[in-house]
Amino acid sequence: MAEKILITRHYICTIYTTLPYINILRELKNLNNSTQDLKTGNNNGVSLNVSDTKGKRKVL
């Protein structure tokens, strides 16, 4: 009986210590997906490349 309790405590501790890392990995995956959309220009066909407009402003 004591062995089962120790094993259960070990798994519970493992789960609680790895949960923050799982959440961090999930957030990184979401961030990666959103930045991939920016790189490929998935914004209704509008280019999101900043260098397209750089230096083309008129000086007043």
N, C-alpha and C. Protein backbone atom coordinates (compact mmCIF):
# COMPACT_ATOMS: atom_id res chain seq x y z
N MET A 1 0.82 -1.21 0.00
CA MET A 1 0.00 0.00 0.00
C MET A 1 0.86 1.27 0.00
N ALA A 2 1.93 1.25 0.79
CA ALA A 2 2.80 2.43 0.86
C ALA A 2 3.48 2.68 -0.48
N GLU A 3 3.81 1.61 -1.22
CA GLU A 3 4.45 1.78 -2.52
C GLU A 3 3.51 2.47 -3.50
N LYS A 4 2.24 2.11 -3.47
CA LYS A 4 1.26 2.74 -4.36
C LYS A 4 1.11 4.22 -4.05
N ILE A 5 1.12 4.57 -2.78
CA ILE A 5 0.99 5.97 -2.39
C ILE A 5 2.20 6.76 -2.88
N LEU A 6 3.40 6.18 -2.73
CA LEU A 6 4.61 6.87 -3.19
C LEU A 6 4.60 7.06 -4.70
N ILE A 7 4.17 6.04 -5.42
CA ILE A 7 4.11 6.13 -6.87
C ILE A 7 3.11 7.21 -7.28
N THR A 8 1.96 7.23 -6.63
CA THR A 8 0.94 8.22 -6.95
C THR A 8 1.46 9.63 -6.67
N ARG A 9 2.13 9.81 -5.54
CA ARG A 9 2.68 11.13 -5.22
C ARG A 9 3.73 11.53 -6.25
N HIS A 10 4.53 10.58 -6.70
CA HIS A 10 5.55 10.87 -7.70
C HIS A 10 4.91 11.37 -8.99
N TYR A 11 3.88 10.67 -9.45
CA TYR A 11 3.23 11.08 -10.68
C TYR A 11 2.51 12.41 -10.54
N ILE A 12 1.89 12.64 -9.40
CA ILE A 12 1.21 13.93 -9.17
C ILE A 12 2.24 15.06 -9.17
N CYS A 13 3.37 14.86 -8.51
CA CYS A 13 4.43 15.88 -8.49
C CYS A 13 4.97 16.10 -9.90
N THR A 14 5.12 15.02 -10.65
CA THR A 14 5.62 15.15 -12.02
C THR A 14 4.64 15.93 -12.88
N ILE A 15 3.36 15.64 -12.72
CA ILE A 15 2.33 16.34 -13.51
C ILE A 15 2.33 17.83 -13.16
N TYR A 16 2.37 18.16 -11.87
CA TYR A 16 2.32 19.56 -11.47
C TYR A 16 3.58 20.33 -11.86
N THR A 17 4.72 19.65 -11.93
CA THR A 17 5.94 20.36 -12.32
C THR A 17 6.06 20.50 -13.83
N THR A 18 5.41 19.63 -14.60
CA THR A 18 5.51 19.73 -16.06
C THR A 18 4.39 20.57 -16.67
N LEU A 19 3.31 20.82 -15.95
CA LEU A 19 2.20 21.60 -16.50
C LEU A 19 2.62 23.00 -16.96
N PRO A 20 3.42 23.75 -16.19
CA PRO A 20 3.84 25.07 -16.70
C PRO A 20 4.62 24.97 -18.00
N TYR A 21 5.45 23.94 -18.14
CA TYR A 21 6.23 23.78 -19.37
C TYR A 21 5.33 23.46 -20.55
N ILE A 22 4.29 22.67 -20.31
CA ILE A 22 3.35 22.35 -21.38
C ILE A 22 2.64 23.62 -21.83
N ASN A 23 2.24 24.46 -20.88
CA ASN A 23 1.58 25.72 -21.23
C ASN A 23 2.52 26.64 -21.99
N ILE A 24 3.79 26.68 -21.59
CA ILE A 24 4.77 27.52 -22.29
C ILE A 24 4.96 27.02 -23.71
N LEU A 25 5.07 25.70 -23.88
CA LEU A 25 5.23 25.14 -25.22
C LEU A 25 4.01 25.43 -26.08
N ARG A 26 2.83 25.36 -25.49
CA ARG A 26 1.60 25.65 -26.23
C ARG A 26 1.58 27.11 -26.68
N GLU A 27 2.00 28.02 -25.79
CA GLU A 27 2.04 29.44 -26.15
C GLU A 27 3.08 29.70 -27.24
N LEU A 28 4.23 29.03 -27.15
CA LEU A 28 5.26 29.20 -28.18
C LEU A 28 4.76 28.70 -29.52
N LYS A 29 4.01 27.60 -29.51
CA LYS A 29 3.47 27.07 -30.76
C LYS A 29 2.48 28.06 -31.36
N ASN A 30 1.62 28.64 -30.52
CA ASN A 30 0.66 29.64 -31.00
C ASN A 30 1.38 30.87 -31.55
N LEU A 31 2.43 31.29 -30.85
CA LEU A 31 3.20 32.45 -31.32
C LEU A 31 3.87 32.15 -32.65
N ASN A 32 4.41 30.94 -32.78
CA ASN A 32 5.06 30.54 -34.02
C ASN A 32 4.06 30.53 -35.17
N ASN A 33 2.86 30.04 -34.92
CA ASN A 33 1.83 30.01 -35.96
C ASN A 33 1.45 31.42 -36.38
N SER A 34 1.35 32.34 -35.43
CA SER A 34 0.95 33.70 -35.77
C SER A 34 2.06 34.43 -36.52
N THR A 35 3.32 34.16 -36.18
CA THR A 35 4.41 34.82 -36.90
C THR A 35 4.60 34.20 -38.28
N GLN A 36 4.25 32.94 -38.45
CA GLN A 36 4.33 32.33 -39.78
C GLN A 36 3.34 33.01 -40.71
N ASP A 37 2.17 33.36 -40.21
CA ASP A 37 1.19 34.07 -41.03
C ASP A 37 1.74 35.42 -41.47
N LEU A 38 2.49 36.09 -40.59
CA LEU A 38 3.06 37.38 -40.96
C LEU A 38 4.14 37.23 -42.02
N LYS A 39 4.96 36.19 -41.90
CA LYS A 39 6.05 35.99 -42.86
C LYS A 39 5.52 35.66 -44.24
N THR A 40 4.45 34.88 -44.31
CA THR A 40 3.93 34.48 -45.61
C THR A 40 2.95 35.50 -46.17
N GLY A 41 2.59 36.50 -45.39
CA GLY A 41 1.70 37.55 -45.88
C GLY A 41 0.26 37.09 -46.00
N ASN A 42 -0.20 36.24 -45.09
CA ASN A 42 -1.58 35.77 -45.13
C ASN A 42 -2.51 36.81 -44.51
N ASN A 43 -2.70 37.90 -45.22
CA ASN A 43 -3.58 38.96 -44.74
C ASN A 43 -4.43 39.42 -45.91
N ASN A 44 -5.23 38.53 -46.44
CA ASN A 44 -6.10 38.80 -47.59
C ASN A 44 -5.32 39.29 -48.80
N GLY A 45 -4.16 38.73 -49.02
CA GLY A 45 -3.36 39.07 -50.19
C GLY A 45 -2.55 40.34 -50.07
N VAL A 46 -2.63 41.02 -48.93
CA VAL A 46 -1.87 42.25 -48.74
C VAL A 46 -0.49 41.90 -48.21
N SER A 47 0.54 42.43 -48.83
CA SER A 47 1.91 42.16 -48.39
C SER A 47 2.16 42.86 -47.06
N LEU A 48 2.79 42.13 -46.14
CA LEU A 48 3.10 42.70 -44.84
C LEU A 48 4.58 43.02 -44.71
N ASN A 49 5.29 43.06 -45.81
CA ASN A 49 6.71 43.32 -45.78
C ASN A 49 6.95 44.81 -45.54
N VAL A 50 7.62 45.12 -44.44
CA VAL A 50 7.83 46.52 -44.07
C VAL A 50 8.78 47.20 -45.04
N SER A 51 9.72 46.45 -45.60
CA SER A 51 10.73 47.05 -46.47
C SER A 51 10.13 47.55 -47.79
N ASP A 52 8.89 47.16 -48.11
CA ASP A 52 8.25 47.63 -49.34
C ASP A 52 8.03 49.14 -49.32
N THR A 53 7.73 49.70 -48.16
CA THR A 53 7.41 51.12 -48.08
C THR A 53 8.57 51.94 -47.53
N LYS A 54 9.65 51.31 -47.17
CA LYS A 54 10.77 52.03 -46.56
C LYS A 54 11.42 52.97 -47.58
N GLY A 55 11.57 54.22 -47.20
CA GLY A 55 12.24 55.20 -48.05
C GLY A 55 11.39 55.77 -49.16
N LYS A 56 10.11 55.45 -49.21
CA LYS A 56 9.26 55.94 -50.30
C LYS A 56 8.37 57.11 -49.86
N ARG A 57 8.55 57.59 -48.63
CA ARG A 57 7.74 58.71 -48.16
C ARG A 57 8.29 60.02 -48.72
N LYS A 58 7.40 60.94 -48.99
CA LYS A 58 7.81 62.25 -49.51
C LYS A 58 8.23 63.14 -48.35
N VAL A 59 9.28 63.87 -48.55
CA VAL A 59 9.74 64.80 -47.52
C VAL A 59 8.99 66.11 -47.70
N LEU A 60 8.39 66.62 -46.63
CA LEU A 60 7.61 67.86 -46.71
C LEU A 60 8.50 69.07 -46.62
